[in-house]
mmCIF file of all heavy atoms, coordinates in Angstrom:
data_MODEL
# 
_entry.id   MODEL 
# 
loop_
_atom_site.group_PDB 
_atom_site.id 
_atom_site.type_symbol 
_atom_site.label_atom_id 
_atom_site.label_alt_id 
_atom_site.label_comp_id 
_atom_site.label_asym_id 
_atom_site.label_entity_id 
_atom_site.label_seq_id 
_atom_site.pdbx_PDB_ins_code 
_atom_site.Cartn_x 
_atom_site.Cartn_y 
_atom_site.Cartn_z 
_atom_site.occupancy 
_atom_site.B_iso_or_equiv 
_atom_site.pdbx_formal_charge 
_atom_site.auth_seq_id 
_atom_site.auth_comp_id 
_atom_site.auth_asym_id 
_atom_site.auth_atom_id 
_atom_site.pdbx_PDB_model_num 
ATOM 1   N N   . LEU A 1 1  ? 10.264  -7.743  -3.594 1.00 0.00 ? 1  LEU A N   1 
ATOM 2   C CA  . LEU A 1 1  ? 11.450  -8.576  -3.405 1.00 0.00 ? 1  LEU A CA  1 
ATOM 3   C C   . LEU A 1 1  ? 12.752  -7.967  -3.909 1.00 0.00 ? 1  LEU A C   1 
ATOM 4   O O   . LEU A 1 1  ? 13.824  -8.417  -3.506 1.00 0.00 ? 1  LEU A O   1 
ATOM 5   C CB  . LEU A 1 1  ? 11.225  -9.931  -4.089 1.00 0.00 ? 1  LEU A CB  1 
ATOM 6   C CG  . LEU A 1 1  ? 10.084  -10.785 -3.521 1.00 0.00 ? 1  LEU A CG  1 
ATOM 7   C CD1 . LEU A 1 1  ? 9.905   -12.041 -4.346 1.00 0.00 ? 1  LEU A CD1 1 
ATOM 8   C CD2 . LEU A 1 1  ? 10.338  -11.139 -2.064 1.00 0.00 ? 1  LEU A CD2 1 
ATOM 9   N N   . LEU A 1 2  ? 12.691  -6.996  -4.807 1.00 0.00 ? 2  LEU A N   1 
ATOM 10  C CA  . LEU A 1 2  ? 13.941  -6.409  -5.285 1.00 0.00 ? 2  LEU A CA  1 
ATOM 11  C C   . LEU A 1 2  ? 14.740  -5.890  -4.094 1.00 0.00 ? 2  LEU A C   1 
ATOM 12  O O   . LEU A 1 2  ? 14.244  -5.048  -3.325 1.00 0.00 ? 2  LEU A O   1 
ATOM 13  C CB  . LEU A 1 2  ? 13.655  -5.265  -6.269 1.00 0.00 ? 2  LEU A CB  1 
ATOM 14  C CG  . LEU A 1 2  ? 13.470  -5.661  -7.741 1.00 0.00 ? 2  LEU A CG  1 
ATOM 15  C CD1 . LEU A 1 2  ? 12.994  -4.472  -8.558 1.00 0.00 ? 2  LEU A CD1 1 
ATOM 16  C CD2 . LEU A 1 2  ? 14.767  -6.197  -8.326 1.00 0.00 ? 2  LEU A CD2 1 
ATOM 17  N N   . PRO A 1 3  ? 15.953  -6.375  -3.903 1.00 0.00 ? 3  PRO A N   1 
ATOM 18  C CA  . PRO A 1 3  ? 16.716  -6.016  -2.695 1.00 0.00 ? 3  PRO A CA  1 
ATOM 19  C C   . PRO A 1 3  ? 16.875  -4.524  -2.485 1.00 0.00 ? 3  PRO A C   1 
ATOM 20  O O   . PRO A 1 3  ? 16.894  -4.046  -1.345 1.00 0.00 ? 3  PRO A O   1 
ATOM 21  C CB  . PRO A 1 3  ? 18.080  -6.685  -2.945 1.00 0.00 ? 3  PRO A CB  1 
ATOM 22  C CG  . PRO A 1 3  ? 17.766  -7.853  -3.831 1.00 0.00 ? 3  PRO A CG  1 
ATOM 23  C CD  . PRO A 1 3  ? 16.659  -7.379  -4.734 1.00 0.00 ? 3  PRO A CD  1 
ATOM 24  N N   . GLU A 1 4  ? 16.974  -3.762  -3.585 1.00 0.00 ? 4  GLU A N   1 
ATOM 25  C CA  . GLU A 1 4  ? 17.195  -2.322  -3.425 1.00 0.00 ? 4  GLU A CA  1 
ATOM 26  C C   . GLU A 1 4  ? 15.905  -1.558  -3.102 1.00 0.00 ? 4  GLU A C   1 
ATOM 27  O O   . GLU A 1 4  ? 15.943  -0.361  -2.768 1.00 0.00 ? 4  GLU A O   1 
ATOM 28  C CB  . GLU A 1 4  ? 17.831  -1.734  -4.693 1.00 0.00 ? 4  GLU A CB  1 
ATOM 29  C CG  . GLU A 1 4  ? 16.975  -1.832  -5.954 1.00 0.00 ? 4  GLU A CG  1 
ATOM 30  C CD  . GLU A 1 4  ? 17.256  -3.101  -6.759 1.00 0.00 ? 4  GLU A CD  1 
ATOM 31  O OE1 . GLU A 1 4  ? 17.718  -4.086  -6.155 1.00 0.00 ? 4  GLU A OE1 1 
ATOM 32  O OE2 . GLU A 1 4  ? 16.998  -3.083  -7.984 1.00 0.00 ? 4  GLU A OE2 1 
ATOM 33  N N   . ASN A 1 5  ? 14.744  -2.211  -3.207 1.00 0.00 ? 5  ASN A N   1 
ATOM 34  C CA  . ASN A 1 5  ? 13.475  -1.524  -2.924 1.00 0.00 ? 5  ASN A CA  1 
ATOM 35  C C   . ASN A 1 5  ? 13.211  -1.456  -1.419 1.00 0.00 ? 5  ASN A C   1 
ATOM 36  O O   . ASN A 1 5  ? 13.608  -2.345  -0.652 1.00 0.00 ? 5  ASN A O   1 
ATOM 37  C CB  . ASN A 1 5  ? 12.315  -2.232  -3.614 1.00 0.00 ? 5  ASN A CB  1 
ATOM 38  C CG  . ASN A 1 5  ? 12.255  -1.919  -5.098 1.00 0.00 ? 5  ASN A CG  1 
ATOM 39  O OD1 . ASN A 1 5  ? 13.136  -1.227  -5.623 1.00 0.00 ? 5  ASN A OD1 1 
ATOM 40  N ND2 . ASN A 1 5  ? 11.259  -2.421  -5.793 1.00 0.00 ? 5  ASN A ND2 1 
ATOM 41  N N   . SER A 1 6  ? 12.492  -0.413  -1.017 1.00 0.00 ? 6  SER A N   1 
ATOM 42  C CA  . SER A 1 6  ? 12.135  -0.221  0.389  1.00 0.00 ? 6  SER A CA  1 
ATOM 43  C C   . SER A 1 6  ? 10.771  -0.863  0.662  1.00 0.00 ? 6  SER A C   1 
ATOM 44  O O   . SER A 1 6  ? 9.775   -0.510  0.026  1.00 0.00 ? 6  SER A O   1 
ATOM 45  C CB  . SER A 1 6  ? 12.082  1.266   0.724  1.00 0.00 ? 6  SER A CB  1 
ATOM 46  O OG  . SER A 1 6  ? 11.384  1.479   1.918  1.00 0.00 ? 6  SER A OG  1 
ATOM 47  N N   . THR A 1 7  ? 10.729  -1.796  1.620  1.00 0.00 ? 7  THR A N   1 
ATOM 48  C CA  . THR A 1 7  ? 9.462   -2.445  1.980  1.00 0.00 ? 7  THR A CA  1 
ATOM 49  C C   . THR A 1 7  ? 8.474   -1.405  2.515  1.00 0.00 ? 7  THR A C   1 
ATOM 50  O O   . THR A 1 7  ? 7.277   -1.459  2.219  1.00 0.00 ? 7  THR A O   1 
ATOM 51  C CB  . THR A 1 7  ? 9.690   -3.537  3.046  1.00 0.00 ? 7  THR A CB  1 
ATOM 52  O OG1 . THR A 1 7  ? 10.767  -4.366  2.631  1.00 0.00 ? 7  THR A OG1 1 
ATOM 53  C CG2 . THR A 1 7  ? 8.453   -4.385  3.241  1.00 0.00 ? 7  THR A CG2 1 
ATOM 54  N N   . TYR A 1 8  ? 8.971   -0.474  3.276  1.00 0.00 ? 8  TYR A N   1 
ATOM 55  C CA  . TYR A 1 8  ? 8.113   0.568   3.848  1.00 0.00 ? 8  TYR A CA  1 
ATOM 56  C C   . TYR A 1 8  ? 7.396   1.340   2.737  1.00 0.00 ? 8  TYR A C   1 
ATOM 57  O O   . TYR A 1 8  ? 6.188   1.579   2.810  1.00 0.00 ? 8  TYR A O   1 
ATOM 58  C CB  . TYR A 1 8  ? 8.954   1.512   4.696  1.00 0.00 ? 8  TYR A CB  1 
ATOM 59  C CG  . TYR A 1 8  ? 8.188   2.696   5.232  1.00 0.00 ? 8  TYR A CG  1 
ATOM 60  C CD1 . TYR A 1 8  ? 7.335   2.566   6.323  1.00 0.00 ? 8  TYR A CD1 1 
ATOM 61  C CD2 . TYR A 1 8  ? 8.296   3.950   4.618  1.00 0.00 ? 8  TYR A CD2 1 
ATOM 62  C CE1 . TYR A 1 8  ? 6.618   3.651   6.808  1.00 0.00 ? 8  TYR A CE1 1 
ATOM 63  C CE2 . TYR A 1 8  ? 7.574   5.044   5.078  1.00 0.00 ? 8  TYR A CE2 1 
ATOM 64  C CZ  . TYR A 1 8  ? 6.734   4.893   6.173  1.00 0.00 ? 8  TYR A CZ  1 
ATOM 65  O OH  . TYR A 1 8  ? 6.020   5.964   6.649  1.00 0.00 ? 8  TYR A OH  1 
ATOM 66  N N   . LYS A 1 9  ? 8.145   1.714   1.691  1.00 0.00 ? 9  LYS A N   1 
ATOM 67  C CA  . LYS A 1 9  ? 7.540   2.482   0.594  1.00 0.00 ? 9  LYS A CA  1 
ATOM 68  C C   . LYS A 1 9  ? 6.491   1.662   -0.154 1.00 0.00 ? 9  LYS A C   1 
ATOM 69  O O   . LYS A 1 9  ? 5.456   2.177   -0.566 1.00 0.00 ? 9  LYS A O   1 
ATOM 70  C CB  . LYS A 1 9  ? 8.632   2.949   -0.365 1.00 0.00 ? 9  LYS A CB  1 
ATOM 71  C CG  . LYS A 1 9  ? 9.499   4.074   0.197  1.00 0.00 ? 9  LYS A CG  1 
ATOM 72  C CD  . LYS A 1 9  ? 10.537  4.519   -0.821 1.00 0.00 ? 9  LYS A CD  1 
ATOM 73  C CE  . LYS A 1 9  ? 11.378  5.661   -0.260 1.00 0.00 ? 9  LYS A CE  1 
ATOM 74  N NZ  . LYS A 1 9  ? 12.435  6.096   -1.215 1.00 0.00 ? 9  LYS A NZ  1 
ATOM 75  N N   . VAL A 1 10 ? 6.771   0.365   -0.312 1.00 0.00 ? 10 VAL A N   1 
ATOM 76  C CA  . VAL A 1 10 ? 5.807   -0.513  -0.996 1.00 0.00 ? 10 VAL A CA  1 
ATOM 77  C C   . VAL A 1 10 ? 4.511   -0.587  -0.199 1.00 0.00 ? 10 VAL A C   1 
ATOM 78  O O   . VAL A 1 10 ? 3.411   -0.486  -0.756 1.00 0.00 ? 10 VAL A O   1 
ATOM 79  C CB  . VAL A 1 10 ? 6.404   -1.935  -1.187 1.00 0.00 ? 10 VAL A CB  1 
ATOM 80  C CG1 . VAL A 1 10 ? 5.343   -2.909  -1.713 1.00 0.00 ? 10 VAL A CG1 1 
ATOM 81  C CG2 . VAL A 1 10 ? 7.588   -1.904  -2.143 1.00 0.00 ? 10 VAL A CG2 1 
ATOM 82  N N   . ILE A 1 11 ? 4.631   -0.748  1.126  1.00 0.00 ? 11 ILE A N   1 
ATOM 83  C CA  . ILE A 1 11 ? 3.439   -0.837  1.984  1.00 0.00 ? 11 ILE A CA  1 
ATOM 84  C C   . ILE A 1 11 ? 2.637   0.463   1.925  1.00 0.00 ? 11 ILE A C   1 
ATOM 85  O O   . ILE A 1 11 ? 1.404   0.447   1.775  1.00 0.00 ? 11 ILE A O   1 
ATOM 86  C CB  . ILE A 1 11 ? 3.850   -1.146  3.448  1.00 0.00 ? 11 ILE A CB  1 
ATOM 87  C CG1 . ILE A 1 11 ? 4.436   -2.573  3.527  1.00 0.00 ? 11 ILE A CG1 1 
ATOM 88  C CG2 . ILE A 1 11 ? 2.656   -1.011  4.390  1.00 0.00 ? 11 ILE A CG2 1 
ATOM 89  C CD1 . ILE A 1 11 ? 5.112   -2.875  4.858  1.00 0.00 ? 11 ILE A CD1 1 
ATOM 90  N N   . GLN A 1 12 ? 3.327   1.600   2.050  1.00 0.00 ? 12 GLN A N   1 
ATOM 91  C CA  . GLN A 1 12 ? 2.640   2.896   2.034  1.00 0.00 ? 12 GLN A CA  1 
ATOM 92  C C   . GLN A 1 12 ? 1.926   3.143   0.705  1.00 0.00 ? 12 GLN A C   1 
ATOM 93  O O   . GLN A 1 12 ? 0.782   3.616   0.681  1.00 0.00 ? 12 GLN A O   1 
ATOM 94  C CB  . GLN A 1 12 ? 3.645   4.030   2.318  1.00 0.00 ? 12 GLN A CB  1 
ATOM 95  C CG  . GLN A 1 12 ? 4.218   4.009   3.732  1.00 0.00 ? 12 GLN A CG  1 
ATOM 96  C CD  . GLN A 1 12 ? 3.128   4.033   4.789  1.00 0.00 ? 12 GLN A CD  1 
ATOM 97  O OE1 . GLN A 1 12 ? 2.222   4.879   4.754  1.00 0.00 ? 12 GLN A OE1 1 
ATOM 98  N NE2 . GLN A 1 12 ? 3.182   3.076   5.719  1.00 0.00 ? 12 GLN A NE2 1 
ATOM 99  N N   . LYS A 1 13 ? 2.578   2.810   -0.386 1.00 0.00 ? 13 LYS A N   1 
ATOM 100 C CA  . LYS A 1 13 ? 1.961   2.990   -1.721 1.00 0.00 ? 13 LYS A CA  1 
ATOM 101 C C   . LYS A 1 13 ? 0.722   2.106   -1.864 1.00 0.00 ? 13 LYS A C   1 
ATOM 102 O O   . LYS A 1 13 ? -0.326  2.545   -2.363 1.00 0.00 ? 13 LYS A O   1 
ATOM 103 C CB  . LYS A 1 13 ? 2.972   2.657   -2.818 1.00 0.00 ? 13 LYS A CB  1 
ATOM 104 C CG  . LYS A 1 13 ? 2.428   2.783   -4.239 1.00 0.00 ? 13 LYS A CG  1 
ATOM 105 C CD  . LYS A 1 13 ? 3.492   2.426   -5.268 1.00 0.00 ? 13 LYS A CD  1 
ATOM 106 C CE  . LYS A 1 13 ? 2.956   2.530   -6.687 1.00 0.00 ? 13 LYS A CE  1 
ATOM 107 N NZ  . LYS A 1 13 ? 1.848   1.612   -6.970 1.00 0.00 ? 13 LYS A NZ  1 
ATOM 108 N N   . TYR A 1 14 ? 0.818   0.861   -1.401 1.00 0.00 ? 14 TYR A N   1 
ATOM 109 C CA  . TYR A 1 14 ? -0.307  -0.075  -1.497 1.00 0.00 ? 14 TYR A CA  1 
ATOM 110 C C   . TYR A 1 14 ? -1.502  0.443   -0.693 1.00 0.00 ? 14 TYR A C   1 
ATOM 111 O O   . TYR A 1 14 ? -2.645  0.450   -1.190 1.00 0.00 ? 14 TYR A O   1 
ATOM 112 C CB  . TYR A 1 14 ? 0.131   -1.456  -0.991 1.00 0.00 ? 14 TYR A CB  1 
ATOM 113 C CG  . TYR A 1 14 ? -0.985  -2.475  -0.969 1.00 0.00 ? 14 TYR A CG  1 
ATOM 114 C CD1 . TYR A 1 14 ? -1.414  -3.101  -2.135 1.00 0.00 ? 14 TYR A CD1 1 
ATOM 115 C CD2 . TYR A 1 14 ? -1.608  -2.818  0.228  1.00 0.00 ? 14 TYR A CD2 1 
ATOM 116 C CE1 . TYR A 1 14 ? -2.441  -4.031  -2.111 1.00 0.00 ? 14 TYR A CE1 1 
ATOM 117 C CE2 . TYR A 1 14 ? -2.638  -3.749  0.262  1.00 0.00 ? 14 TYR A CE2 1 
ATOM 118 C CZ  . TYR A 1 14 ? -3.052  -4.357  -0.910 1.00 0.00 ? 14 TYR A CZ  1 
ATOM 119 O OH  . TYR A 1 14 ? -4.071  -5.283  -0.899 1.00 0.00 ? 14 TYR A OH  1 
ATOM 120 N N   . LEU A 1 15 ? -1.254  0.921   0.539  1.00 0.00 ? 15 LEU A N   1 
ATOM 121 C CA  . LEU A 1 15 ? -2.342  1.416   1.388  1.00 0.00 ? 15 LEU A CA  1 
ATOM 122 C C   . LEU A 1 15 ? -2.971  2.685   0.807  1.00 0.00 ? 15 LEU A C   1 
ATOM 123 O O   . LEU A 1 15 ? -4.192  2.867   0.876  1.00 0.00 ? 15 LEU A O   1 
ATOM 124 C CB  . LEU A 1 15 ? -1.822  1.674   2.808  1.00 0.00 ? 15 LEU A CB  1 
ATOM 125 C CG  . LEU A 1 15 ? -1.412  0.413   3.598  1.00 0.00 ? 15 LEU A CG  1 
ATOM 126 C CD1 . LEU A 1 15 ? -0.773  0.807   4.933  1.00 0.00 ? 15 LEU A CD1 1 
ATOM 127 C CD2 . LEU A 1 15 ? -2.622  -0.487  3.838  1.00 0.00 ? 15 LEU A CD2 1 
ATOM 128 N N   . ARG A 1 16 ? -2.155  3.544   0.208  1.00 0.00 ? 16 ARG A N   1 
ATOM 129 C CA  . ARG A 1 16 ? -2.700  4.767   -0.417 1.00 0.00 ? 16 ARG A CA  1 
ATOM 130 C C   . ARG A 1 16 ? -3.642  4.397   -1.568 1.00 0.00 ? 16 ARG A C   1 
ATOM 131 O O   . ARG A 1 16 ? -4.724  4.982   -1.717 1.00 0.00 ? 16 ARG A O   1 
ATOM 132 C CB  . ARG A 1 16 ? -1.562  5.648   -0.949 1.00 0.00 ? 16 ARG A CB  1 
ATOM 133 C CG  . ARG A 1 16 ? -0.872  6.495   0.114  1.00 0.00 ? 16 ARG A CG  1 
ATOM 134 C CD  . ARG A 1 16 ? -0.081  7.636   -0.517 1.00 0.00 ? 16 ARG A CD  1 
ATOM 135 N NE  . ARG A 1 16 ? 0.895   7.171   -1.485 1.00 0.00 ? 16 ARG A NE  1 
ATOM 136 C CZ  . ARG A 1 16 ? 2.139   6.805   -1.196 1.00 0.00 ? 16 ARG A CZ  1 
ATOM 137 N NH1 . ARG A 1 16 ? 2.559   6.853   0.069  1.00 0.00 ? 16 ARG A NH1 1 
ATOM 138 N NH2 . ARG A 1 16 ? 2.960   6.399   -2.156 1.00 0.00 ? 16 ARG A NH2 1 
ATOM 139 N N   . ASP A 1 17 ? -3.227  3.419   -2.389 1.00 0.00 ? 17 ASP A N   1 
ATOM 140 C CA  . ASP A 1 17 ? -4.070  2.995   -3.515 1.00 0.00 ? 17 ASP A CA  1 
ATOM 141 C C   . ASP A 1 17 ? -5.389  2.419   -3.021 1.00 0.00 ? 17 ASP A C   1 
ATOM 142 O O   . ASP A 1 17 ? -6.456  2.661   -3.602 1.00 0.00 ? 17 ASP A O   1 
ATOM 143 C CB  . ASP A 1 17 ? -3.336  1.950   -4.367 1.00 0.00 ? 17 ASP A CB  1 
ATOM 144 C CG  . ASP A 1 17 ? -2.214  2.565   -5.179 1.00 0.00 ? 17 ASP A CG  1 
ATOM 145 O OD1 . ASP A 1 17 ? -2.182  3.796   -5.285 1.00 0.00 ? 17 ASP A OD1 1 
ATOM 146 O OD2 . ASP A 1 17 ? -1.370  1.800   -5.719 1.00 0.00 ? 17 ASP A OD2 1 
ATOM 147 N N   . LEU A 1 18 ? -5.329  1.625   -1.941 1.00 0.00 ? 18 LEU A N   1 
ATOM 148 C CA  . LEU A 1 18 ? -6.565  1.056   -1.391 1.00 0.00 ? 18 LEU A CA  1 
ATOM 149 C C   . LEU A 1 18 ? -7.518  2.161   -0.923 1.00 0.00 ? 18 LEU A C   1 
ATOM 150 O O   . LEU A 1 18 ? -8.720  2.129   -1.212 1.00 0.00 ? 18 LEU A O   1 
ATOM 151 C CB  . LEU A 1 18 ? -6.239  0.146   -0.204 1.00 0.00 ? 18 LEU A CB  1 
ATOM 152 C CG  . LEU A 1 18 ? -5.793  -1.295  -0.483 1.00 0.00 ? 18 LEU A CG  1 
ATOM 153 C CD1 . LEU A 1 18 ? -5.579  -2.034  0.839  1.00 0.00 ? 18 LEU A CD1 1 
ATOM 154 C CD2 . LEU A 1 18 ? -6.811  -2.040  -1.327 1.00 0.00 ? 18 LEU A CD2 1 
ATOM 155 N N   . LYS A 1 19 ? -6.963  3.119   -0.218 1.00 0.00 ? 19 LYS A N   1 
ATOM 156 C CA  . LYS A 1 19 ? -7.806  4.195   0.328  1.00 0.00 ? 19 LYS A CA  1 
ATOM 157 C C   . LYS A 1 19 ? -8.443  5.033   -0.769 1.00 0.00 ? 19 LYS A C   1 
ATOM 158 O O   . LYS A 1 19 ? -9.603  5.450   -0.663 1.00 0.00 ? 19 LYS A O   1 
ATOM 159 C CB  . LYS A 1 19 ? -6.968  5.094   1.250  1.00 0.00 ? 19 LYS A CB  1 
ATOM 160 C CG  . LYS A 1 19 ? -6.618  4.434   2.568  1.00 0.00 ? 19 LYS A CG  1 
ATOM 161 C CD  . LYS A 1 19 ? -5.675  5.309   3.390  1.00 0.00 ? 19 LYS A CD  1 
ATOM 162 C CE  . LYS A 1 19 ? -5.252  4.609   4.684  1.00 0.00 ? 19 LYS A CE  1 
ATOM 163 N NZ  . LYS A 1 19 ? -4.269  5.415   5.443  1.00 0.00 ? 19 LYS A NZ  1 
ATOM 164 N N   . SER A 1 20 ? -7.702  5.288   -1.848 1.00 0.00 ? 20 SER A N   1 
ATOM 165 C CA  . SER A 1 20 ? -8.231  6.158   -2.898 1.00 0.00 ? 20 SER A CA  1 
ATOM 166 C C   . SER A 1 20 ? -9.225  5.425   -3.809 1.00 0.00 ? 20 SER A C   1 
ATOM 167 O O   . SER A 1 20 ? -10.163 6.044   -4.316 1.00 0.00 ? 20 SER A O   1 
ATOM 168 C CB  . SER A 1 20 ? -7.085  6.718   -3.741 1.00 0.00 ? 20 SER A CB  1 
ATOM 169 O OG  . SER A 1 20 ? -6.405  5.664   -4.406 1.00 0.00 ? 20 SER A OG  1 
ATOM 170 N N   . LYS A 1 21 ? -9.042  4.132   -3.989 1.00 0.00 ? 21 LYS A N   1 
ATOM 171 C CA  . LYS A 1 21 ? -9.888  3.401   -4.955 1.00 0.00 ? 21 LYS A CA  1 
ATOM 172 C C   . LYS A 1 21 ? -10.962 2.537   -4.288 1.00 0.00 ? 21 LYS A C   1 
ATOM 173 O O   . LYS A 1 21 ? -11.955 2.192   -4.932 1.00 0.00 ? 21 LYS A O   1 
ATOM 174 C CB  . LYS A 1 21 ? -9.011  2.526   -5.857 1.00 0.00 ? 21 LYS A CB  1 
ATOM 175 C CG  . LYS A 1 21 ? -8.065  3.354   -6.722 1.00 0.00 ? 21 LYS A CG  1 
ATOM 176 C CD  . LYS A 1 21 ? -7.091  2.478   -7.504 1.00 0.00 ? 21 LYS A CD  1 
ATOM 177 C CE  . LYS A 1 21 ? -6.130  3.335   -8.316 1.00 0.00 ? 21 LYS A CE  1 
ATOM 178 N NZ  . LYS A 1 21 ? -5.102  2.536   -9.014 1.00 0.00 ? 21 LYS A NZ  1 
ATOM 179 N N   . LEU A 1 22 ? -10.737 2.142   -3.034 1.00 0.00 ? 22 LEU A N   1 
ATOM 180 C CA  . LEU A 1 22 ? -11.727 1.317   -2.315 1.00 0.00 ? 22 LEU A CA  1 
ATOM 181 C C   . LEU A 1 22 ? -11.979 1.919   -0.936 1.00 0.00 ? 22 LEU A C   1 
ATOM 182 O O   . LEU A 1 22 ? -11.777 1.270   0.091  1.00 0.00 ? 22 LEU A O   1 
ATOM 183 C CB  . LEU A 1 22 ? -11.213 -0.126  -2.189 1.00 0.00 ? 22 LEU A CB  1 
ATOM 184 C CG  . LEU A 1 22 ? -10.969 -0.906  -3.488 1.00 0.00 ? 22 LEU A CG  1 
ATOM 185 C CD1 . LEU A 1 22 ? -10.312 -2.245  -3.178 1.00 0.00 ? 22 LEU A CD1 1 
ATOM 186 C CD2 . LEU A 1 22 ? -12.260 -1.123  -4.264 1.00 0.00 ? 22 LEU A CD2 1 
ATOM 187 N N   . SER A 1 23 ? -12.422 3.156   -0.914 1.00 0.00 ? 23 SER A N   1 
ATOM 188 C CA  . SER A 1 23 ? -12.570 3.897   0.356  1.00 0.00 ? 23 SER A CA  1 
ATOM 189 C C   . SER A 1 23 ? -13.658 3.307   1.253  1.00 0.00 ? 23 SER A C   1 
ATOM 190 O O   . SER A 1 23 ? -13.653 3.517   2.472  1.00 0.00 ? 23 SER A O   1 
ATOM 191 C CB  . SER A 1 23 ? -12.880 5.368   0.062  1.00 0.00 ? 23 SER A CB  1 
ATOM 192 O OG  . SER A 1 23 ? -14.011 5.456   -0.782 1.00 0.00 ? 23 SER A OG  1 
ATOM 193 N N   . ASP A 1 24 ? -14.613 2.570   0.682  1.00 0.00 ? 24 ASP A N   1 
ATOM 194 C CA  . ASP A 1 24 ? -15.716 2.018   1.475  1.00 0.00 ? 24 ASP A CA  1 
ATOM 195 C C   . ASP A 1 24 ? -15.352 0.706   2.158  1.00 0.00 ? 24 ASP A C   1 
ATOM 196 O O   . ASP A 1 24 ? -16.078 0.248   3.052  1.00 0.00 ? 24 ASP A O   1 
ATOM 197 C CB  . ASP A 1 24 ? -16.949 1.790   0.595  1.00 0.00 ? 24 ASP A CB  1 
ATOM 198 C CG  . ASP A 1 24 ? -17.499 3.099   0.038  1.00 0.00 ? 24 ASP A CG  1 
ATOM 199 O OD1 . ASP A 1 24 ? -17.247 4.132   0.688  1.00 0.00 ? 24 ASP A OD1 1 
ATOM 200 O OD2 . ASP A 1 24 ? -18.146 3.075   -1.020 1.00 0.00 ? 24 ASP A OD2 1 
ATOM 201 N N   . GLU A 1 25 ? -14.286 0.082   1.740  1.00 0.00 ? 25 GLU A N   1 
ATOM 202 C CA  . GLU A 1 25 ? -13.923 -1.228  2.304  1.00 0.00 ? 25 GLU A CA  1 
ATOM 203 C C   . GLU A 1 25 ? -13.097 -1.054  3.575  1.00 0.00 ? 25 GLU A C   1 
ATOM 204 O O   . GLU A 1 25 ? -12.344 -0.098  3.729  1.00 0.00 ? 25 GLU A O   1 
ATOM 205 C CB  . GLU A 1 25 ? -13.135 -2.057  1.281  1.00 0.00 ? 25 GLU A CB  1 
ATOM 206 C CG  . GLU A 1 25 ? -14.001 -2.561  0.148  1.00 0.00 ? 25 GLU A CG  1 
ATOM 207 C CD  . GLU A 1 25 ? -13.301 -3.651  -0.667 1.00 0.00 ? 25 GLU A CD  1 
ATOM 208 O OE1 . GLU A 1 25 ? -12.265 -4.178  -0.211 1.00 0.00 ? 25 GLU A OE1 1 
ATOM 209 O OE2 . GLU A 1 25 ? -13.811 -3.973  -1.762 1.00 0.00 ? 25 GLU A OE2 1 
ATOM 210 N N   . ARG A 1 26 ? -13.228 -2.058  4.483  1.00 0.00 ? 26 ARG A N   1 
ATOM 211 C CA  . ARG A 1 26 ? -12.450 -2.040  5.725  1.00 0.00 ? 26 ARG A CA  1 
ATOM 212 C C   . ARG A 1 26 ? -11.377 -3.129  5.662  1.00 0.00 ? 26 ARG A C   1 
ATOM 213 O O   . ARG A 1 26 ? -11.613 -4.227  5.153  1.00 0.00 ? 26 ARG A O   1 
ATOM 214 C CB  . ARG A 1 26 ? -13.361 -2.308  6.932  1.00 0.00 ? 26 ARG A CB  1 
ATOM 215 C CG  . ARG A 1 26 ? -14.352 -1.199  7.160  1.00 0.00 ? 26 ARG A CG  1 
ATOM 216 C CD  . ARG A 1 26 ? -15.097 -1.414  8.455  1.00 0.00 ? 26 ARG A CD  1 
ATOM 217 N NE  . ARG A 1 26 ? -16.013 -0.335  8.742  1.00 0.00 ? 26 ARG A NE  1 
ATOM 218 C CZ  . ARG A 1 26 ? -16.724 -0.221  9.859  1.00 0.00 ? 26 ARG A CZ  1 
ATOM 219 N NH1 . ARG A 1 26 ? -16.595 -1.152  10.812 1.00 0.00 ? 26 ARG A NH1 1 
ATOM 220 N NH2 . ARG A 1 26 ? -17.544 0.786   10.047 1.00 0.00 ? 26 ARG A NH2 1 
ATOM 221 N N   . TYR A 1 27 ? -10.226 -2.818  6.183  1.00 0.00 ? 27 TYR A N   1 
ATOM 222 C CA  . TYR A 1 27 ? -9.118  -3.779  6.171  1.00 0.00 ? 27 TYR A CA  1 
ATOM 223 C C   . TYR A 1 27 ? -8.162  -3.383  7.290  1.00 0.00 ? 27 TYR A C   1 
ATOM 224 O O   . TYR A 1 27 ? -8.130  -2.244  7.742  1.00 0.00 ? 27 TYR A O   1 
ATOM 225 C CB  . TYR A 1 27 ? -8.394  -3.777  4.829  1.00 0.00 ? 27 TYR A CB  1 
ATOM 226 C CG  . TYR A 1 27 ? -8.307  -2.424  4.195  1.00 0.00 ? 27 TYR A CG  1 
ATOM 227 C CD1 . TYR A 1 27 ? -7.329  -1.512  4.597  1.00 0.00 ? 27 TYR A CD1 1 
ATOM 228 C CD2 . TYR A 1 27 ? -9.219  -2.019  3.208  1.00 0.00 ? 27 TYR A CD2 1 
ATOM 229 C CE1 . TYR A 1 27 ? -7.265  -0.259  4.036  1.00 0.00 ? 27 TYR A CE1 1 
ATOM 230 C CE2 . TYR A 1 27 ? -9.147  -0.758  2.646  1.00 0.00 ? 27 TYR A CE2 1 
ATOM 231 C CZ  . TYR A 1 27 ? -8.176  0.121   3.053  1.00 0.00 ? 27 TYR A CZ  1 
ATOM 232 O OH  . TYR A 1 27 ? -8.107  1.378   2.513  1.00 0.00 ? 27 TYR A OH  1 
ATOM 233 N N   . ASP A 1 28 ? -7.386  -4.366  7.748  1.00 0.00 ? 28 ASP A N   1 
ATOM 234 C CA  . ASP A 1 28 ? -6.459  -4.173  8.865  1.00 0.00 ? 28 ASP A CA  1 
ATOM 235 C C   . ASP A 1 28 ? -5.079  -3.840  8.296  1.00 0.00 ? 28 ASP A C   1 
ATOM 236 O O   . ASP A 1 28 ? -4.413  -4.695  7.691  1.00 0.00 ? 28 ASP A O   1 
ATOM 237 C CB  . ASP A 1 28 ? -6.397  -5.452  9.703  1.00 0.00 ? 28 ASP A CB  1 
ATOM 238 C CG  . ASP A 1 28 ? -5.648  -5.248  11.008 1.00 0.00 ? 28 ASP A CG  1 
ATOM 239 O OD1 . ASP A 1 28 ? -4.588  -4.576  10.974 1.00 0.00 ? 28 ASP A OD1 1 
ATOM 240 O OD2 . ASP A 1 28 ? -6.102  -5.767  12.039 1.00 0.00 ? 28 ASP A OD2 1 
# 
């Protein structure tokens, strides 16, 4: 929500963390 933050960067960081820590799980 911080106005100066990039939503795109937040999404990319979140997906990278999921892939590295929960590689066996499937998600859309």
